[in-house]
Amino acid sequence: MPGDFTIRTTTERDWEQVRALRIENATDDPISYGATLEYTLAMTEDDWRLRARRGEGTETTSVVAVDRTGRWIGMMSGQVGDAYGNDPVLTGVYVTPSSRGRANGVADALLDHVVGWAAGHGERLRLEVYEQAVPAGRFYERRGFRASGRSRDFRLLGQGRDAPSLRLVELVRTVT
């Protein structure tokens, strides 16, 4: 049933659930997580606590969708600025396979929260998406994102230099 979930920010106490969802993410789609499963499994408790704490930050956010059974079914994060500018940046997007799709509303609800957070930190929200991630690209386009013209090559964390690179495309939308 659409909307049969809640959205909330993460706290450091959530580190084990963050870890479990990100391991699922790295197993299901390592490109969307940005790291290999092996790299993800090797991360320390401190690494996971840091990620969970992002929901408590002033320059970061981390939101999770939780279904009525308590299962985490999606997550998105944001940060103010990166190497390419000071605008807020959407990162760490993942929705479990069974909760994907417009009818479920999980991705829309998570993004609504991040857009609201971003509006307090800048005029635009940026993200990078794998150029071959067609469903993700369609979702972002429907939500007002447009290509900025910037793209870059990327290798997953945990991959060697001989691994083929992926092409990430930057998308941007206004939030004010």
C-alpha atoms as a PDB file:
ATOM      1  CA  MET A   1       0.000   0.000   0.000  1.00  0.00           C
ATOM      2  CA  PRO A   2       1.501   3.417  -0.978  1.00  0.00           C
ATOM      3  CA  GLY A   3       2.548   5.536   1.960  1.00  0.00           C
ATOM      4  CA  ASP A   4       2.527   2.598   4.375  1.00  0.00           C
ATOM      5  CA  PHE A   5       5.871   3.739   5.776  1.00  0.00           C
ATOM      6  CA  THR A   6       7.384   6.571   7.778  1.00  0.00           C
ATOM      7  CA  ILE A   7      10.321   8.831   6.995  1.00  0.00           C
ATOM      8  CA  ARG A   8      12.759   9.873   9.673  1.00  0.00           C
ATOM      9  CA  THR A   9      16.331  11.027  10.047  1.00  0.00           C
ATOM     10  CA  THR A  10      18.978   8.594  11.203  1.00  0.00           C
ATOM     11  CA  THR A  11      20.946   8.818  14.434  1.00  0.00           C
ATOM     12  CA  GLU A  12      24.170   7.203  15.548  1.00  0.00           C
ATOM     13  CA  ARG A  13      22.122   4.544  17.355  1.00  0.00           C
ATOM     14  CA  ASP A  14      20.939   3.344  13.923  1.00  0.00           C
ATOM     15  CA  TRP A  15      24.393   2.253  12.787  1.00  0.00           C
ATOM     16  CA  GLU A  16      23.527  -1.459  12.611  1.00  0.00           C
ATOM     17  CA  GLN A  17      20.442  -0.815  10.465  1.00  0.00           C
ATOM     18  CA  VAL A  18      22.423   1.568   8.244  1.00  0.00           C
ATOM     19  CA  ARG A  19      25.039  -1.147   7.815  1.00  0.00           C
ATOM     20  CA  ALA A  20      22.445  -3.810   6.981  1.00  0.00           C
ATOM     21  CA  LEU A  21      20.689  -1.626   4.389  1.00  0.00           C
ATOM     22  CA  ARG A  22      23.972  -0.546   2.787  1.00  0.00           C
ATOM     23  CA  ILE A  23      25.153  -4.160   2.581  1.00  0.00           C
ATOM     24  CA  GLU A  24      21.859  -4.961   0.847  1.00  0.00           C
ATOM     25  CA  ASN A  25      22.487  -1.929  -1.411  1.00  0.00           C
ATOM     26  CA  ALA A  26      26.048  -3.040  -2.268  1.00  0.00           C
ATOM     27  CA  THR A  27      24.778  -6.565  -2.964  1.00  0.00           C
ATOM     28  CA  ASP A  28      21.829  -5.451  -5.108  1.00  0.00           C
ATOM     29  CA  ASP A  29      23.450  -2.532  -6.935  1.00  0.00           C
ATOM     30  CA  PRO A  30      27.044  -1.649  -6.012  1.00  0.00           C
ATOM     31  CA  ILE A  31      27.068   1.196  -8.536  1.00  0.00           C
ATOM     32  CA  SER A  32      24.311   3.057  -6.685  1.00  0.00           C
ATOM     33  CA  TYR A  33      26.237   2.646  -3.434  1.00  0.00           C
ATOM     34  CA  GLY A  34      29.595   3.456  -4.986  1.00  0.00           C
ATOM     35  CA  ALA A  35      31.479   0.572  -3.403  1.00  0.00           C
ATOM     36  CA  THR A  36      32.023  -3.118  -3.896  1.00  0.00           C
ATOM     37  CA  LEU A  37      30.418  -5.572  -1.504  1.00  0.00           C
ATOM     38  CA  GLU A  38      33.875  -6.579  -0.246  1.00  0.00           C
ATOM     39  CA  TYR A  39      34.740  -2.963   0.545  1.00  0.00           C
ATOM     40  CA  THR A  40      31.380  -2.469   2.273  1.00  0.00           C
ATOM     41  CA  LEU A  41      31.773  -5.606   4.409  1.00  0.00           C
ATOM     42  CA  ALA A  42      35.232  -4.451   5.539  1.00  0.00           C
ATOM     43  CA  MET A  43      33.960  -1.145   6.915  1.00  0.00           C
ATOM     44  CA  THR A  44      34.330  -0.717  10.676  1.00  0.00           C
ATOM     45  CA  GLU A  45      31.708   0.043  13.289  1.00  0.00           C
ATOM     46  CA  ASP A  46      33.111   3.592  13.468  1.00  0.00           C
ATOM     47  CA  ASP A  47      32.541   3.967   9.711  1.00  0.00           C
ATOM     48  CA  TRP A  48      28.903   2.937  10.136  1.00  0.00           C
ATOM     49  CA  ARG A  49      28.367   5.151  13.170  1.00  0.00           C
ATOM     50  CA  LEU A  50      29.655   8.113  11.158  1.00  0.00           C
ATOM     51  CA  ARG A  51      27.187   7.389   8.352  1.00  0.00           C
ATOM     52  CA  ALA A  52      24.288   6.984  10.763  1.00  0.00           C
ATOM     53  CA  ARG A  53      25.207  10.268  12.509  1.00  0.00           C
ATOM     54  CA  ARG A  54      24.703  12.196   9.282  1.00  0.00           C
ATOM     55  CA  GLY A  55      21.029  12.489  10.154  1.00  0.00           C
ATOM     56  CA  GLU A  56      22.008  14.529  13.208  1.00  0.00           C
ATOM     57  CA  GLY A  57      24.348  16.936  11.403  1.00  0.00           C
ATOM     58  CA  THR A  58      23.854  20.554  10.418  1.00  0.00           C
ATOM     59  CA  GLU A  59      25.720  20.244   7.105  1.00  0.00           C
ATOM     60  CA  THR A  60      24.465  16.702   6.397  1.00  0.00           C
ATOM     61  CA  THR A  61      21.261  14.729   6.421  1.00  0.00           C
ATOM     62  CA  SER A  62      20.376  11.056   6.232  1.00  0.00           C
ATOM     63  CA  VAL A  63      16.793   9.888   5.993  1.00  0.00           C
ATOM     64  CA  VAL A  64      15.296   6.444   6.013  1.00  0.00           C
ATOM     65  CA  ALA A  65      11.939   4.995   5.033  1.00  0.00           C
ATOM     66  CA  VAL A  66      10.689   2.403   7.525  1.00  0.00           C
ATOM     67  CA  ASP A  67       7.714   0.181   6.775  1.00  0.00           C
ATOM     68  CA  ARG A  68       5.061  -0.699   9.361  1.00  0.00           C
ATOM     69  CA  THR A  69       6.960  -3.887  10.318  1.00  0.00           C
ATOM     70  CA  GLY A  70      10.093  -1.863  11.144  1.00  0.00           C
ATOM     71  CA  ARG A  71      12.011  -2.929   8.037  1.00  0.00           C
ATOM     72  CA  TRP A  72      14.146  -0.251   6.445  1.00  0.00           C
ATOM     73  CA  ILE A  73      13.040   0.030   2.811  1.00  0.00           C
ATOM     74  CA  GLY A  74      14.949   3.057   1.553  1.00  0.00           C
ATOM     75  CA  MET A  75      17.505   5.685   2.363  1.00  0.00           C
ATOM     76  CA  MET A  76      18.903   8.952   0.993  1.00  0.00           C
ATOM     77  CA  SER A  77      21.585  11.260   2.280  1.00  0.00           C
ATOM     78  CA  GLY A  78      22.770  14.753   1.574  1.00  0.00           C
ATOM     79  CA  GLN A  79      25.693  16.974   2.323  1.00  0.00           C
ATOM     80  CA  VAL A  80      26.525  20.616   1.833  1.00  0.00           C
ATOM     81  CA  GLY A  81      29.124  20.873  -0.905  1.00  0.00           C
ATOM     82  CA  ASP A  82      31.704  18.591  -2.416  1.00  0.00           C
ATOM     83  CA  ALA A  83      34.753  18.915  -4.656  1.00  0.00           C
ATOM     84  CA  TYR A  84      32.563  20.413  -7.390  1.00  0.00           C
ATOM     85  CA  GLY A  85      30.834  23.205  -5.509  1.00  0.00           C
ATOM     86  CA  ASN A  86      29.070  24.444  -2.397  1.00  0.00           C
ATOM     87  CA  ASP A  87      25.545  23.443  -3.369  1.00  0.00           C
ATOM     88  CA  PRO A  88      23.866  20.673  -1.384  1.00  0.00           C
ATOM     89  CA  VAL A  89      24.476  17.239  -2.900  1.00  0.00           C
ATOM     90  CA  LEU A  90      22.144  14.222  -2.850  1.00  0.00           C
ATOM     91  CA  THR A  91      24.047  11.005  -2.104  1.00  0.00           C
ATOM     92  CA  GLY A  92      23.450   7.449  -0.962  1.00  0.00           C
ATOM     93  CA  VAL A  93      20.159   6.823  -2.765  1.00  0.00           C
ATOM     94  CA  TYR A  94      18.740   3.331  -2.310  1.00  0.00           C
ATOM     95  CA  VAL A  95      15.259   1.808  -2.229  1.00  0.00           C
ATOM     96  CA  THR A  96      14.790  -1.926  -1.732  1.00  0.00           C
ATOM     97  CA  PRO A  97      13.599  -3.727  -4.877  1.00  0.00           C
ATOM     98  CA  SER A  98      10.164  -4.569  -3.463  1.00  0.00           C
ATOM     99  CA  SER A  99       9.541  -0.904  -2.562  1.00  0.00           C
ATOM    100  CA  ARG A 100      10.635   0.672  -5.840  1.00  0.00           C
ATOM    101  CA  GLY A 101       8.318   2.353  -8.281  1.00  0.00           C
ATOM    102  CA  ARG A 102       6.197   5.432  -8.394  1.00  0.00           C
ATOM    103  CA  ALA A 103       3.157   3.625  -6.970  1.00  0.00           C
ATOM    104  CA  ASN A 104       5.028   2.810  -3.755  1.00  0.00           C
ATOM    105  CA  GLY A 105       6.090   6.434  -3.212  1.00  0.00           C
ATOM    106  CA  VAL A 106       9.216   5.631  -1.199  1.00  0.00           C
ATOM    107  CA  ALA A 107      11.749   7.407  -3.413  1.00  0.00           C
ATOM    108  CA  ASP A 108       9.463  10.434  -3.768  1.00  0.00           C
ATOM    109  CA  ALA A 109       8.963  10.716  -0.004  1.00  0.00           C
ATOM    110  CA  LEU A 110      12.681  10.395   0.707  1.00  0.00           C
ATOM    111  CA  LEU A 111      13.557  12.953  -1.961  1.00  0.00           C
ATOM    112  CA  ASP A 112      10.911  15.375  -0.667  1.00  0.00           C
ATOM    113  CA  HIS A 113      12.663  15.322   2.694  1.00  0.00           C
ATOM    114  CA  VAL A 114      16.122  15.877   1.199  1.00  0.00           C
ATOM    115  CA  VAL A 115      14.847  18.691  -1.048  1.00  0.00           C
ATOM    116  CA  GLY A 116      13.342  20.393   2.004  1.00  0.00           C
ATOM    117  CA  TRP A 117      16.636  20.051   3.865  1.00  0.00           C
ATOM    118  CA  ALA A 118      18.598  21.331   0.842  1.00  0.00           C
ATOM    119  CA  ALA A 119      16.410  24.443   0.577  1.00  0.00           C
ATOM    120  CA  GLY A 120      17.844  25.546   3.911  1.00  0.00           C
ATOM    121  CA  HIS A 121      21.392  25.242   2.567  1.00  0.00           C
ATOM    122  CA  GLY A 122      21.357  26.588  -0.978  1.00  0.00           C
ATOM    123  CA  GLU A 123      19.417  27.337  -4.119  1.00  0.00           C
ATOM    124  CA  ARG A 124      20.165  24.094  -5.975  1.00  0.00           C
ATOM    125  CA  LEU A 125      20.471  20.397  -5.224  1.00  0.00           C
ATOM    126  CA  ARG A 126      22.999  18.391  -7.214  1.00  0.00           C
ATOM    127  CA  LEU A 127      23.545  14.667  -7.667  1.00  0.00           C
ATOM    128  CA  GLU A 128      25.520  12.272  -9.810  1.00  0.00           C
ATOM    129  CA  VAL A 129      23.862   9.320 -11.506  1.00  0.00           C
ATOM    130  CA  TYR A 130      25.356   6.454 -13.490  1.00  0.00           C
ATOM    131  CA  GLU A 131      24.676   7.289 -17.123  1.00  0.00           C
ATOM    132  CA  GLN A 132      23.230   3.835 -17.795  1.00  0.00           C
ATOM    133  CA  ALA A 133      20.843   3.923 -14.809  1.00  0.00           C
ATOM    134  CA  VAL A 134      17.798   4.642 -16.963  1.00  0.00           C
ATOM    135  CA  PRO A 135      15.074   4.195 -14.289  1.00  0.00           C
ATOM    136  CA  ALA A 136      16.965   6.471 -11.885  1.00  0.00           C
ATOM    137  CA  GLY A 137      17.465   9.058 -14.607  1.00  0.00           C
ATOM    138  CA  ARG A 138      13.749   9.037 -15.415  1.00  0.00           C
ATOM    139  CA  PHE A 139      12.887   9.445 -11.719  1.00  0.00           C
ATOM    140  CA  TYR A 140      15.203  12.436 -11.337  1.00  0.00           C
ATOM    141  CA  GLU A 141      13.918  14.021 -14.556  1.00  0.00           C
ATOM    142  CA  ARG A 142      10.326  13.642 -13.338  1.00  0.00           C
ATOM    143  CA  ARG A 143      11.402  15.381 -10.123  1.00  0.00           C
ATOM    144  CA  GLY A 144      12.836  18.403 -11.953  1.00  0.00           C
ATOM    145  CA  PHE A 145      16.510  17.507 -12.275  1.00  0.00           C
ATOM    146  CA  ARG A 146      18.331  18.402 -15.502  1.00  0.00           C
ATOM    147  CA  ALA A 147      21.821  17.597 -16.768  1.00  0.00           C
ATOM    148  CA  SER A 148      24.328  20.282 -15.830  1.00  0.00           C
ATOM    149  CA  GLY A 149      26.759  19.319 -18.585  1.00  0.00           C
ATOM    150  CA  ARG A 150      29.341  17.967 -16.136  1.00  0.00           C
ATOM    151  CA  SER A 151      30.254  14.285 -16.068  1.00  0.00           C
ATOM    152  CA  ARG A 152      33.176  12.235 -14.815  1.00  0.00           C
ATOM    153  CA  ASP A 153      34.641   8.781 -14.772  1.00  0.00           C
ATOM    154  CA  PHE A 154      34.383   6.833 -11.526  1.00  0.00           C
ATOM    155  CA  ARG A 155      35.510   3.514 -10.081  1.00  0.00           C
ATOM    156  CA  LEU A 156      33.737   1.839  -7.199  1.00  0.00           C
ATOM    157  CA  LEU A 157      35.501   2.002  -3.849  1.00  0.00           C
ATOM    158  CA  GLY A 158      37.329  -1.285  -3.502  1.00  0.00           C
ATOM    159  CA  GLN A 159      38.012  -1.701  -7.218  1.00  0.00           C
ATOM    160  CA  GLY A 160      41.536  -1.756  -8.566  1.00  0.00           C
ATOM    161  CA  ARG A 161      42.939   0.687 -11.091  1.00  0.00           C
ATOM    162  CA  ASP A 162      42.529  -1.894 -13.829  1.00  0.00           C
ATOM    163  CA  ALA A 163      38.750  -2.035 -13.333  1.00  0.00           C
ATOM    164  CA  PRO A 164      36.697  -0.333 -16.011  1.00  0.00           C
ATOM    165  CA  SER A 165      35.478   3.117 -15.067  1.00  0.00           C
ATOM    166  CA  LEU A 166      31.840   4.148 -14.967  1.00  0.00           C
ATOM    167  CA  ARG A 167      30.480   7.419 -16.301  1.00  0.00           C
ATOM    168  CA  LEU A 168      28.598   9.597 -13.818  1.00  0.00           C
ATOM    169  CA  VAL A 169      26.463  12.487 -15.029  1.00  0.00           C
ATOM    170  CA  GLU A 170      25.664  15.462 -12.809  1.00  0.00           C
ATOM    171  CA  LEU A 171      22.009  16.483 -12.511  1.00  0.00           C
ATOM    172  CA  VAL A 172      20.780  19.695 -10.872  1.00  0.00           C
ATOM    173  CA  ARG A 173      17.476  21.226  -9.797  1.00  0.00           C
ATOM    174  CA  THR A 174      16.467  24.354  -7.926  1.00  0.00           C
ATOM    175  CA  VAL A 175      15.108  23.966  -4.410  1.00  0.00           C
ATOM    176  CA  THR A 176      14.073  27.527  -3.563  1.00  0.00           C
END
